[in-house]
Amino acid sequence: MSRVGKKIIIIPKGVKVTVNGQQVEATGPLGTLKYTIPEWMIMKLEGETISVLCENLTNDKKPVYGLTRALVNNLVNGVSKAFSKNLEIRGIGFKAQVQGSDLTLQLGYTHPCVLKIPEGVQVKVEENTKISVSGSDRYKVGEFANKIRSQRIPEPYKGTGIRYLNEYVRKKVGKTGVAAGAAAGGGAK
């Protein structure tokens, strides 16, 4: 039995959940989200809790069972409090700004990178280098944050690029580190 799938989901205050067959809908202060569960699963709504039940749990259904429970939990929690991802830009002259429904990134290329902000996702830029992506749909927030990061992933020699806040990027030693060691220890005879 899946350890994640059998956990009970607690509905936060101010959130209304309805189950119509295989359709789960959560409504809260941040909007409405829907999800359709597989036909071999059953959702039980009992007061302020939701249970995900599975008939004939086989090895191929176990991962989907846990995943479905996690997705429904994200759905219920997302309409009450927003999910967020924070990114930071490192590099000389690198900056970001929000212009209407577009995010414009200056990342050292000959042209600015313009990304359309998806519906239901909010983007805030502070100090031109700190980007905060938030929204009620965890998938959309993570996907857009990853799209921003992929415009200039952190490179391992100088550490410049876009990274998640507090992400550790291991730096490599460049050619000068190797050449200095060879010059000190070796030489022509």
N, C-alpha and C. Protein backbone atom coordinates (compact mmCIF):
# COMPACT_ATOMS: atom_id res chain seq x y z
N MET A 1 0.84 -1.18 0.00
CA MET A 1 0.00 0.00 0.00
C MET A 1 0.89 1.24 0.00
N SER A 2 0.49 2.25 -0.74
CA SER A 2 1.25 3.49 -0.83
C SER A 2 1.18 4.25 0.48
N ARG A 3 2.35 4.67 0.98
CA ARG A 3 2.38 5.43 2.23
C ARG A 3 1.84 6.84 2.03
N VAL A 4 2.06 7.40 0.84
CA VAL A 4 1.55 8.75 0.56
C VAL A 4 0.06 8.69 0.27
N GLY A 5 -0.37 7.71 -0.49
CA GLY A 5 -1.75 7.61 -0.93
C GLY A 5 -2.75 7.42 0.19
N LYS A 6 -2.35 6.73 1.25
CA LYS A 6 -3.32 6.45 2.31
C LYS A 6 -3.44 7.57 3.34
N LYS A 7 -2.63 8.63 3.22
CA LYS A 7 -2.74 9.77 4.14
C LYS A 7 -4.03 10.54 3.87
N ILE A 8 -4.63 11.04 4.92
CA ILE A 8 -5.86 11.81 4.82
C ILE A 8 -5.51 13.27 4.52
N ILE A 9 -6.29 13.89 3.63
CA ILE A 9 -6.09 15.30 3.29
C ILE A 9 -7.04 16.13 4.15
N ILE A 10 -6.47 17.09 4.86
CA ILE A 10 -7.27 17.98 5.71
C ILE A 10 -7.59 19.24 4.92
N ILE A 11 -8.87 19.59 4.85
CA ILE A 11 -9.31 20.76 4.09
C ILE A 11 -9.12 22.01 4.97
N PRO A 12 -8.35 23.02 4.47
CA PRO A 12 -8.17 24.25 5.26
C PRO A 12 -9.47 25.05 5.36
N LYS A 13 -9.51 25.96 6.33
CA LYS A 13 -10.68 26.81 6.51
C LYS A 13 -10.82 27.74 5.32
N GLY A 14 -12.05 27.96 4.88
CA GLY A 14 -12.32 28.85 3.75
C GLY A 14 -12.26 28.16 2.40
N VAL A 15 -12.04 26.86 2.38
CA VAL A 15 -11.96 26.11 1.13
C VAL A 15 -13.15 25.17 1.05
N LYS A 16 -13.80 25.18 -0.12
CA LYS A 16 -14.95 24.29 -0.36
C LYS A 16 -14.54 23.27 -1.42
N VAL A 17 -14.69 22.00 -1.09
CA VAL A 17 -14.32 20.92 -2.01
C VAL A 17 -15.57 20.16 -2.40
N THR A 18 -15.73 19.92 -3.72
CA THR A 18 -16.84 19.10 -4.21
C THR A 18 -16.27 17.96 -5.03
N VAL A 19 -16.88 16.78 -4.89
CA VAL A 19 -16.47 15.60 -5.65
C VAL A 19 -17.67 15.17 -6.49
N ASN A 20 -17.50 15.21 -7.81
CA ASN A 20 -18.52 14.78 -8.75
C ASN A 20 -17.98 13.59 -9.54
N GLY A 21 -18.23 12.39 -9.07
CA GLY A 21 -17.68 11.21 -9.75
C GLY A 21 -16.16 11.22 -9.67
N GLN A 22 -15.50 11.40 -10.81
CA GLN A 22 -14.04 11.43 -10.87
C GLN A 22 -13.49 12.85 -10.87
N GLN A 23 -14.34 13.85 -10.86
CA GLN A 23 -13.93 15.25 -10.90
C GLN A 23 -13.87 15.83 -9.48
N VAL A 24 -12.71 16.39 -9.11
CA VAL A 24 -12.54 17.04 -7.81
C VAL A 24 -12.36 18.53 -8.07
N GLU A 25 -13.14 19.35 -7.37
CA GLU A 25 -13.06 20.80 -7.55
C GLU A 25 -12.89 21.46 -6.19
N ALA A 26 -11.89 22.34 -6.10
CA ALA A 26 -11.64 23.08 -4.86
C ALA A 26 -11.80 24.57 -5.14
N THR A 27 -12.57 25.24 -4.28
CA THR A 27 -12.79 26.68 -4.40
C THR A 27 -12.36 27.34 -3.11
N GLY A 28 -11.56 28.42 -3.25
CA GLY A 28 -11.07 29.12 -2.08
C GLY A 28 -10.83 30.58 -2.39
N PRO A 29 -10.14 31.29 -1.50
CA PRO A 29 -9.89 32.71 -1.70
C PRO A 29 -9.06 33.03 -2.94
N LEU A 30 -8.22 32.09 -3.39
CA LEU A 30 -7.35 32.34 -4.53
C LEU A 30 -7.90 31.80 -5.86
N GLY A 31 -9.12 31.30 -5.86
CA GLY A 31 -9.73 30.85 -7.11
C GLY A 31 -10.25 29.43 -7.02
N THR A 32 -10.44 28.84 -8.21
CA THR A 32 -10.98 27.49 -8.32
C THR A 32 -10.03 26.64 -9.15
N LEU A 33 -9.77 25.41 -8.68
CA LEU A 33 -8.94 24.46 -9.40
C LEU A 33 -9.69 23.14 -9.52
N LYS A 34 -9.47 22.43 -10.64
CA LYS A 34 -10.13 21.15 -10.88
C LYS A 34 -9.10 20.09 -11.22
N TYR A 35 -9.42 18.85 -10.90
CA TYR A 35 -8.57 17.71 -11.25
C TYR A 35 -9.45 16.49 -11.43
N THR A 36 -9.13 15.68 -12.42
CA THR A 36 -9.87 14.44 -12.69
C THR A 36 -9.00 13.27 -12.25
N ILE A 37 -9.53 12.45 -11.34
CA ILE A 37 -8.78 11.30 -10.85
C ILE A 37 -9.02 10.10 -11.77
N PRO A 38 -8.12 9.11 -11.75
CA PRO A 38 -8.34 7.91 -12.58
C PRO A 38 -9.63 7.19 -12.20
N GLU A 39 -10.18 6.44 -13.16
CA GLU A 39 -11.48 5.80 -12.94
C GLU A 39 -11.44 4.68 -11.91
N TRP A 40 -10.28 4.14 -11.59
CA TRP A 40 -10.19 3.06 -10.60
C TRP A 40 -9.95 3.58 -9.17
N MET A 41 -10.04 4.89 -8.98
CA MET A 41 -9.90 5.47 -7.65
C MET A 41 -11.22 6.06 -7.18
N ILE A 42 -11.36 6.14 -5.86
CA ILE A 42 -12.57 6.69 -5.25
C ILE A 42 -12.14 7.80 -4.29
N MET A 43 -12.84 8.93 -4.33
CA MET A 43 -12.59 10.03 -3.41
C MET A 43 -13.74 10.06 -2.40
N LYS A 44 -13.41 10.03 -1.12
CA LYS A 44 -14.42 10.13 -0.07
C LYS A 44 -14.26 11.45 0.66
N LEU A 45 -15.32 12.24 0.64
CA LEU A 45 -15.34 13.53 1.32
C LEU A 45 -16.13 13.36 2.61
N GLU A 46 -15.42 13.46 3.75
CA GLU A 46 -16.06 13.26 5.06
C GLU A 46 -15.78 14.46 5.95
N GLY A 47 -16.73 15.39 6.00
CA GLY A 47 -16.57 16.58 6.82
C GLY A 47 -15.45 17.48 6.32
N GLU A 48 -14.39 17.62 7.11
CA GLU A 48 -13.25 18.48 6.75
C GLU A 48 -12.05 17.66 6.27
N THR A 49 -12.28 16.41 5.85
CA THR A 49 -11.19 15.57 5.36
C THR A 49 -11.56 14.89 4.04
N ILE A 50 -10.54 14.54 3.28
CA ILE A 50 -10.72 13.80 2.03
C ILE A 50 -9.85 12.56 2.10
N SER A 51 -10.40 11.43 1.69
CA SER A 51 -9.64 10.19 1.62
C SER A 51 -9.60 9.72 0.17
N VAL A 52 -8.45 9.23 -0.25
CA VAL A 52 -8.30 8.65 -1.58
C VAL A 52 -8.23 7.15 -1.39
N LEU A 53 -9.16 6.44 -2.02
CA LEU A 53 -9.22 4.99 -1.90
C LEU A 53 -8.96 4.35 -3.26
N CYS A 54 -8.41 3.14 -3.23
CA CYS A 54 -8.06 2.46 -4.48
C CYS A 54 -8.56 1.03 -4.43
N GLU A 55 -9.17 0.61 -5.52
CA GLU A 55 -9.63 -0.77 -5.64
C GLU A 55 -8.55 -1.58 -6.36
N ASN A 56 -8.30 -2.79 -5.90
CA ASN A 56 -7.35 -3.70 -6.54
C ASN A 56 -6.00 -3.03 -6.78
N LEU A 57 -5.34 -2.67 -5.71
CA LEU A 57 -4.05 -1.97 -5.80
C LEU A 57 -2.97 -2.94 -6.26
N THR A 58 -2.48 -2.75 -7.48
CA THR A 58 -1.40 -3.56 -8.03
C THR A 58 -0.14 -2.72 -8.12
N ASN A 59 0.97 -3.36 -8.48
CA ASN A 59 2.26 -2.65 -8.53
C ASN A 59 2.26 -1.50 -9.51
N ASP A 60 1.53 -1.61 -10.62
CA ASP A 60 1.51 -0.52 -11.60
C ASP A 60 0.61 0.63 -11.15
N LYS A 61 -0.30 0.38 -10.20
CA LYS A 61 -1.21 1.42 -9.72
C LYS A 61 -0.67 2.16 -8.49
N LYS A 62 0.30 1.57 -7.78
CA LYS A 62 0.81 2.17 -6.54
C LYS A 62 1.38 3.57 -6.75
N PRO A 63 2.25 3.80 -7.74
CA PRO A 63 2.78 5.16 -7.92
C PRO A 63 1.71 6.18 -8.28
N VAL A 64 0.73 5.78 -9.07
CA VAL A 64 -0.33 6.69 -9.49
C VAL A 64 -1.24 7.01 -8.29
N TYR A 65 -1.38 6.06 -7.40
CA TYR A 65 -2.18 6.24 -6.20
C TYR A 65 -1.59 7.36 -5.32
N GLY A 66 -0.30 7.27 -5.06
CA GLY A 66 0.37 8.30 -4.27
C GLY A 66 0.40 9.64 -4.98
N LEU A 67 0.63 9.62 -6.29
CA LEU A 67 0.67 10.85 -7.08
C LEU A 67 -0.69 11.56 -7.06
N THR A 68 -1.76 10.79 -7.22
CA THR A 68 -3.10 11.38 -7.22
C THR A 68 -3.41 12.04 -5.88
N ARG A 69 -3.05 11.39 -4.80
CA ARG A 69 -3.28 11.98 -3.48
C ARG A 69 -2.49 13.27 -3.33
N ALA A 70 -1.24 13.29 -3.80
CA ALA A 70 -0.41 14.50 -3.71
C ALA A 70 -0.98 15.62 -4.57
N LEU A 71 -1.47 15.31 -5.76
CA LEU A 71 -2.04 16.33 -6.64
C LEU A 71 -3.32 16.92 -6.06
N VAL A 72 -4.15 16.09 -5.46
CA VAL A 72 -5.38 16.59 -4.83
C VAL A 72 -5.03 17.44 -3.62
N ASN A 73 -4.00 17.04 -2.86
CA ASN A 73 -3.56 17.84 -1.72
C ASN A 73 -3.05 19.21 -2.18
N ASN A 74 -2.27 19.25 -3.27
CA ASN A 74 -1.79 20.52 -3.82
C ASN A 74 -2.96 21.39 -4.29
N LEU A 75 -3.97 20.75 -4.85
CA LEU A 75 -5.16 21.44 -5.33
C LEU A 75 -5.89 22.11 -4.18
N VAL A 76 -6.08 21.38 -3.09
CA VAL A 76 -6.81 21.89 -1.93
C VAL A 76 -6.00 23.00 -1.24
N ASN A 77 -4.71 22.80 -1.07
CA ASN A 77 -3.88 23.80 -0.39
C ASN A 77 -3.60 25.01 -1.27
N GLY A 78 -3.57 24.84 -2.58
CA GLY A 78 -3.25 25.94 -3.50
C GLY A 78 -4.30 27.02 -3.53
N VAL A 79 -5.57 26.69 -3.32
CA VAL A 79 -6.61 27.71 -3.36
C VAL A 79 -6.71 28.49 -2.04
N SER A 80 -6.01 28.02 -1.00
CA SER A 80 -6.03 28.75 0.27
C SER A 80 -4.76 29.58 0.47
N LYS A 81 -3.61 29.07 0.06
CA LYS A 81 -2.36 29.82 0.15
C LYS A 81 -1.55 29.55 -1.12
N ALA A 82 -0.93 30.58 -1.64
CA ALA A 82 -0.23 30.48 -2.92
C ALA A 82 1.10 29.75 -2.76
N PHE A 83 1.46 29.00 -3.80
CA PHE A 83 2.78 28.38 -3.87
C PHE A 83 3.73 29.41 -4.50
N SER A 84 4.99 29.37 -4.12
CA SER A 84 5.92 30.34 -4.70
C SER A 84 7.29 29.73 -4.91
N LYS A 85 7.99 30.26 -5.91
CA LYS A 85 9.38 29.91 -6.19
C LYS A 85 10.14 31.21 -6.32
N ASN A 86 11.31 31.29 -5.72
CA ASN A 86 12.13 32.50 -5.78
C ASN A 86 13.41 32.21 -6.54
N LEU A 87 13.74 33.11 -7.45
CA LEU A 87 14.95 32.98 -8.25
C LEU A 87 15.80 34.23 -8.08
N GLU A 88 17.08 34.09 -8.35
CA GLU A 88 17.97 35.24 -8.33
C GLU A 88 18.85 35.21 -9.58
N ILE A 89 19.16 36.41 -10.06
CA ILE A 89 19.99 36.56 -11.25
C ILE A 89 21.37 37.04 -10.80
N ARG A 90 22.42 36.36 -11.27
CA ARG A 90 23.78 36.77 -10.95
C ARG A 90 24.53 37.01 -12.26
N GLY A 91 25.17 38.14 -12.35
CA GLY A 91 25.95 38.49 -13.52
C GLY A 91 25.92 39.98 -13.74
N ILE A 92 27.00 40.51 -14.26
CA ILE A 92 27.10 41.96 -14.49
C ILE A 92 26.18 42.35 -15.64
N GLY A 93 25.30 43.30 -15.39
CA GLY A 93 24.36 43.78 -16.40
C GLY A 93 23.13 42.91 -16.58
N PHE A 94 23.02 41.81 -15.84
CA PHE A 94 21.85 40.95 -15.94
C PHE A 94 20.73 41.55 -15.10
N LYS A 95 19.52 41.64 -15.66
CA LYS A 95 18.40 42.19 -14.89
C LYS A 95 17.08 41.68 -15.46
N ALA A 96 16.03 41.90 -14.68
CA ALA A 96 14.68 41.48 -15.08
C ALA A 96 13.70 42.59 -14.76
N GLN A 97 12.60 42.63 -15.54
CA GLN A 97 11.52 43.56 -15.23
C GLN A 97 10.22 43.03 -15.81
N VAL A 98 9.13 43.36 -15.13
CA VAL A 98 7.80 42.96 -15.59
C VAL A 98 7.20 44.13 -16.34
N GLN A 99 6.76 43.85 -17.58
CA GLN A 99 6.11 44.87 -18.41
C GLN A 99 4.75 44.33 -18.83
N GLY A 100 3.71 44.73 -18.10
CA GLY A 100 2.36 44.23 -18.40
C GLY A 100 2.26 42.76 -18.07
N SER A 101 2.00 41.94 -19.09
CA SER A 101 1.91 40.49 -18.88
C SER A 101 3.13 39.77 -19.42
N ASP A 102 4.25 40.49 -19.54
CA ASP A 102 5.50 39.90 -20.04
C ASP A 102 6.60 40.09 -19.00
N LEU A 103 7.52 39.12 -18.96
CA LEU A 103 8.72 39.24 -18.14
C LEU A 103 9.88 39.40 -19.10
N THR A 104 10.60 40.52 -18.98
CA THR A 104 11.73 40.81 -19.86
C THR A 104 13.02 40.58 -19.10
N LEU A 105 13.89 39.75 -19.67
CA LEU A 105 15.16 39.41 -19.04
C LEU A 105 16.31 39.89 -19.91
N GLN A 106 17.24 40.65 -19.32
CA GLN A 106 18.48 41.06 -19.98
C GLN A 106 19.57 40.14 -19.42
N LEU A 107 20.05 39.21 -20.24
CA LEU A 107 20.95 38.18 -19.74
C LEU A 107 22.27 38.10 -20.49
N GLY A 108 22.68 39.21 -21.09
CA GLY A 108 23.97 39.23 -21.77
C GLY A 108 23.89 38.79 -23.22
N TYR A 109 22.72 38.48 -23.70
CA TYR A 109 22.55 38.13 -25.11
C TYR A 109 22.39 39.43 -25.91
N THR A 110 22.39 39.35 -27.22
CA THR A 110 22.23 40.54 -28.05
C THR A 110 20.80 41.05 -28.03
N HIS A 111 19.88 40.25 -27.53
CA HIS A 111 18.47 40.61 -27.50
C HIS A 111 17.89 40.28 -26.12
N PRO A 112 16.85 40.98 -25.70
CA PRO A 112 16.21 40.62 -24.43
C PRO A 112 15.36 39.37 -24.59
N CYS A 113 15.28 38.57 -23.54
CA CYS A 113 14.42 37.39 -23.52
C CYS A 113 13.07 37.82 -22.95
N VAL A 114 12.01 37.69 -23.74
CA VAL A 114 10.67 38.09 -23.31
C VAL A 114 9.83 36.83 -23.13
N LEU A 115 9.33 36.63 -21.91
CA LEU A 115 8.50 35.48 -21.58
C LEU A 115 7.10 35.95 -21.23
N LYS A 116 6.10 35.31 -21.81
CA LYS A 116 4.70 35.61 -21.52
C LYS A 116 4.34 34.95 -20.19
N ILE A 117 3.83 35.74 -19.25
CA ILE A 117 3.45 35.20 -17.94
C ILE A 117 2.12 34.45 -18.08
N PRO A 118 2.07 33.16 -17.69
CA PRO A 118 0.83 32.39 -17.83
C PRO A 118 -0.29 32.92 -16.94
N GLU A 119 -1.51 32.62 -17.33
CA GLU A 119 -2.67 33.03 -16.55
C GLU A 119 -2.68 32.28 -15.22
N GLY A 120 -2.96 32.99 -14.15
CA GLY A 120 -2.98 32.39 -12.82
C GLY A 120 -1.63 32.41 -12.12
N VAL A 121 -0.61 32.98 -12.76
CA VAL A 121 0.73 33.07 -12.17
C VAL A 121 1.08 34.55 -12.02
N GLN A 122 1.59 34.93 -10.85
CA GLN A 122 2.02 36.30 -10.61
C GLN A 122 3.54 36.32 -10.49
N VAL A 123 4.15 37.35 -11.09
CA VAL A 123 5.60 37.50 -11.05
C VAL A 123 5.93 38.87 -10.48
N LYS A 124 6.83 38.90 -9.50
CA LYS A 124 7.31 40.16 -8.92
C LYS A 124 8.82 40.20 -9.05
N VAL A 125 9.34 41.37 -9.40
CA VAL A 125 10.79 41.56 -9.51
C VAL A 125 11.21 42.62 -8.50
N GLU A 126 12.19 42.28 -7.68
CA GLU A 126 12.73 43.21 -6.70
C GLU A 126 14.21 43.42 -6.98
N GLU A 127 14.66 44.66 -6.90
CA GLU A 127 16.06 45.02 -7.08
C GLU A 127 16.61 44.60 -8.45
N ASN A 128 15.78 44.39 -9.41
CA ASN A 128 16.13 43.97 -10.78
C ASN A 128 16.79 42.59 -10.86
N THR A 129 17.07 41.95 -9.72
CA THR A 129 17.76 40.65 -9.77
C THR A 129 17.05 39.55 -9.01
N LYS A 130 16.02 39.87 -8.26
CA LYS A 130 15.29 38.85 -7.51
C LYS A 130 13.89 38.70 -8.09
N ILE A 131 13.57 37.47 -8.51
CA ILE A 131 12.28 37.19 -9.15
C ILE A 131 11.49 36.26 -8.24
N SER A 132 10.23 36.61 -8.00
CA SER A 132 9.34 35.77 -7.21
C SER A 132 8.16 35.36 -8.10
N VAL A 133 7.98 34.05 -8.26
CA VAL A 133 6.88 33.49 -9.07
C VAL A 133 5.91 32.84 -8.10
N SER A 134 4.62 33.23 -8.13
CA SER A 134 3.65 32.66 -7.20
C SER A 134 2.32 32.43 -7.90
N GLY A 135 1.52 31.54 -7.32
CA GLY A 135 0.20 31.23 -7.86
C GLY A 135 -0.43 30.07 -7.12
N SER A 136 -1.68 29.79 -7.43
CA SER A 136 -2.39 28.73 -6.72
C SER A 136 -2.11 27.35 -7.32
N ASP A 137 -1.72 27.27 -8.59
CA ASP A 137 -1.44 26.00 -9.23
C ASP A 137 0.06 25.70 -9.14
N ARG A 138 0.41 24.72 -8.33
CA ARG A 138 1.82 24.41 -8.07
C ARG A 138 2.56 24.01 -9.35
N TYR A 139 1.90 23.28 -10.23
CA TYR A 139 2.53 22.85 -11.48
C TYR A 139 2.89 24.05 -12.36
N LYS A 140 1.95 24.99 -12.52
CA LYS A 140 2.22 26.17 -13.35
C LYS A 140 3.33 27.03 -12.78
N VAL A 141 3.36 27.18 -11.46
CA VAL A 141 4.39 27.98 -10.81
C VAL A 141 5.77 27.35 -11.03
N GLY A 142 5.88 26.06 -10.80
CA GLY A 142 7.16 25.37 -10.98
C GLY A 142 7.60 25.35 -12.43
N GLU A 143 6.65 25.16 -13.34
CA GLU A 143 6.98 25.11 -14.76
C GLU A 143 7.48 26.48 -15.26
N PHE A 144 6.83 27.57 -14.84
CA PHE A 144 7.26 28.89 -15.29
C PHE A 144 8.60 29.28 -14.65
N ALA A 145 8.80 28.92 -13.38
CA ALA A 145 10.09 29.20 -12.73
C ALA A 145 11.22 28.46 -13.44
N ASN A 146 10.96 27.23 -13.86
CA ASN A 146 11.95 26.46 -14.59
C ASN A 146 12.21 27.06 -15.98
N LYS A 147 11.17 27.59 -16.59
CA LYS A 147 11.32 28.23 -17.90
C LYS A 147 12.20 29.48 -17.79
N ILE A 148 12.01 30.23 -16.71
CA ILE A 148 12.85 31.41 -16.47
C ILE A 148 14.30 30.98 -16.27
N ARG A 149 14.51 29.97 -15.44
CA ARG A 149 15.87 29.50 -15.14
C ARG A 149 16.56 28.97 -16.38
N SER A 150 15.82 28.34 -17.27
CA SER A 150 16.43 27.75 -18.47
C SER A 150 16.90 28.79 -19.48
N GLN A 151 16.52 30.05 -19.32
CA GLN A 151 16.98 31.09 -20.23
C GLN A 151 18.48 31.32 -20.09
N ARG A 152 19.02 31.12 -18.87
CA ARG A 152 20.46 31.23 -18.65
C ARG A 152 20.79 30.44 -17.38
N ILE A 153 21.01 29.13 -17.54
CA ILE A 153 21.30 28.30 -16.37
C ILE A 153 22.66 28.69 -15.79
N PRO A 154 22.87 28.52 -14.48
CA PRO A 154 24.14 28.92 -13.87
C PRO A 154 25.30 28.15 -14.47
N GLU A 155 26.34 28.88 -14.87
CA GLU A 155 27.49 28.19 -15.44
C GLU A 155 28.52 27.94 -14.34
N PRO A 156 29.29 26.86 -14.45
CA PRO A 156 30.11 26.41 -13.33
C PRO A 156 31.43 27.15 -13.13
N TYR A 157 31.85 28.04 -14.02
CA TYR A 157 33.14 28.69 -13.87
C TYR A 157 33.04 30.04 -13.14
N LYS A 158 32.11 30.88 -13.52
CA LYS A 158 31.94 32.17 -12.85
C LYS A 158 30.72 32.17 -11.93
N GLY A 159 29.79 31.25 -12.15
CA GLY A 159 28.57 31.19 -11.34
C GLY A 159 27.50 32.15 -11.80
N THR A 160 27.63 32.73 -12.99
CA THR A 160 26.62 33.66 -13.48
C THR A 160 25.45 32.91 -14.08
N GLY A 161 24.29 33.54 -14.07
CA GLY A 161 23.09 32.94 -14.63
C GLY A 161 21.92 33.11 -13.67
N ILE A 162 20.86 32.36 -13.93
CA ILE A 162 19.66 32.41 -13.08
C ILE A 162 19.62 31.13 -12.26
N ARG A 163 19.43 31.28 -10.97
CA ARG A 163 19.36 30.12 -10.08
C ARG A 163 18.23 30.31 -9.09
N TYR A 164 17.78 29.19 -8.50
CA TYR A 164 16.80 29.28 -7.44
C TYR A 164 17.47 29.90 -6.22
N LEU A 165 16.70 30.58 -5.40
CA LEU A 165 17.24 31.21 -4.20
C LEU A 165 17.86 30.13 -3.32
N ASN A 166 19.05 30.38 -2.84
CA ASN A 166 19.81 29.45 -1.99
C ASN A 166 20.23 28.17 -2.70
N GLU A 167 20.20 28.14 -4.03
CA GLU A 167 20.68 26.97 -4.78
C GLU A 167 22.20 27.00 -4.79
N TYR A 168 22.83 25.89 -4.52
CA TYR A 168 24.28 25.80 -4.52
C TYR A 168 24.75 25.37 -5.91
N VAL A 169 25.64 26.16 -6.50
CA VAL A 169 26.24 25.83 -7.79
C VAL A 169 27.71 25.58 -7.54
N ARG A 170 28.15 24.37 -7.80
CA ARG A 170 29.54 24.00 -7.57
C ARG A 170 30.41 24.62 -8.65
N LYS A 171 31.41 25.35 -8.24
CA LYS A 171 32.28 26.02 -9.19
C LYS A 171 33.46 25.13 -9.54
N LYS A 172 33.86 25.20 -10.82
CA LYS A 172 35.01 24.45 -11.31
C LYS A 172 36.22 25.38 -11.41
N VAL A 173 37.39 24.80 -11.36
CA VAL A 173 38.61 25.57 -11.54
C VAL A 173 38.83 25.71 -13.04
N GLY A 174 39.15 26.90 -13.48
CA GLY A 174 39.37 27.14 -14.91
C GLY A 174 40.75 26.70 -15.35
N LYS A 175 41.12 27.06 -16.57
CA LYS A 175 42.41 26.67 -17.13
C LYS A 175 43.58 27.26 -16.38
N THR A 176 43.40 28.45 -15.80
CA THR A 176 44.51 29.08 -15.09
C THR A 176 44.91 28.25 -13.88
N GLY A 177 43.98 27.59 -13.24
CA GLY A 177 44.30 26.75 -12.09
C GLY A 177 45.13 25.55 -12.50
N VAL A 178 44.88 24.98 -13.66
CA VAL A 178 45.62 23.82 -14.15
C VAL A 178 46.98 24.27 -14.65
N ALA A 179 47.06 25.37 -15.37
CA ALA A 179 48.31 25.86 -15.93
C ALA A 179 49.28 26.29 -14.85
N ALA A 180 48.78 26.87 -13.78
CA ALA A 180 49.64 27.32 -12.70
C ALA A 180 50.29 26.13 -12.01
N GLY A 181 49.56 25.06 -11.86
CA GLY A 181 50.11 23.86 -11.23
C GLY A 181 51.16 23.18 -12.11
N ALA A 182 50.96 23.18 -13.41
CA ALA A 182 51.90 22.57 -14.34
C ALA A 182 53.17 23.39 -14.43
N ALA A 183 53.04 24.72 -14.39
CA ALA A 183 54.21 25.60 -14.50
C ALA A 183 55.07 25.50 -13.25
N ALA A 184 54.47 25.31 -12.10
CA ALA A 184 55.25 25.24 -10.87
C ALA A 184 56.00 23.91 -10.73
N GLY A 185 55.38 22.84 -11.18
CA GLY A 185 55.98 21.52 -10.96
C GLY A 185 56.81 21.02 -12.12
N GLY A 186 56.57 21.50 -13.30
CA GLY A 186 57.27 20.93 -14.46
C GLY A 186 58.04 21.99 -15.22
N GLY A 187 58.71 21.58 -16.21
CA GLY A 187 59.43 22.53 -17.03
C GLY A 187 60.32 21.79 -18.00
N ALA A 188 60.93 22.50 -18.92
CA ALA A 188 61.82 21.88 -19.92
C ALA A 188 63.18 21.64 -19.30
N LYS A 189 63.83 20.54 -19.68
CA LYS A 189 65.16 20.22 -19.17
C LYS A 189 66.23 20.60 -20.15
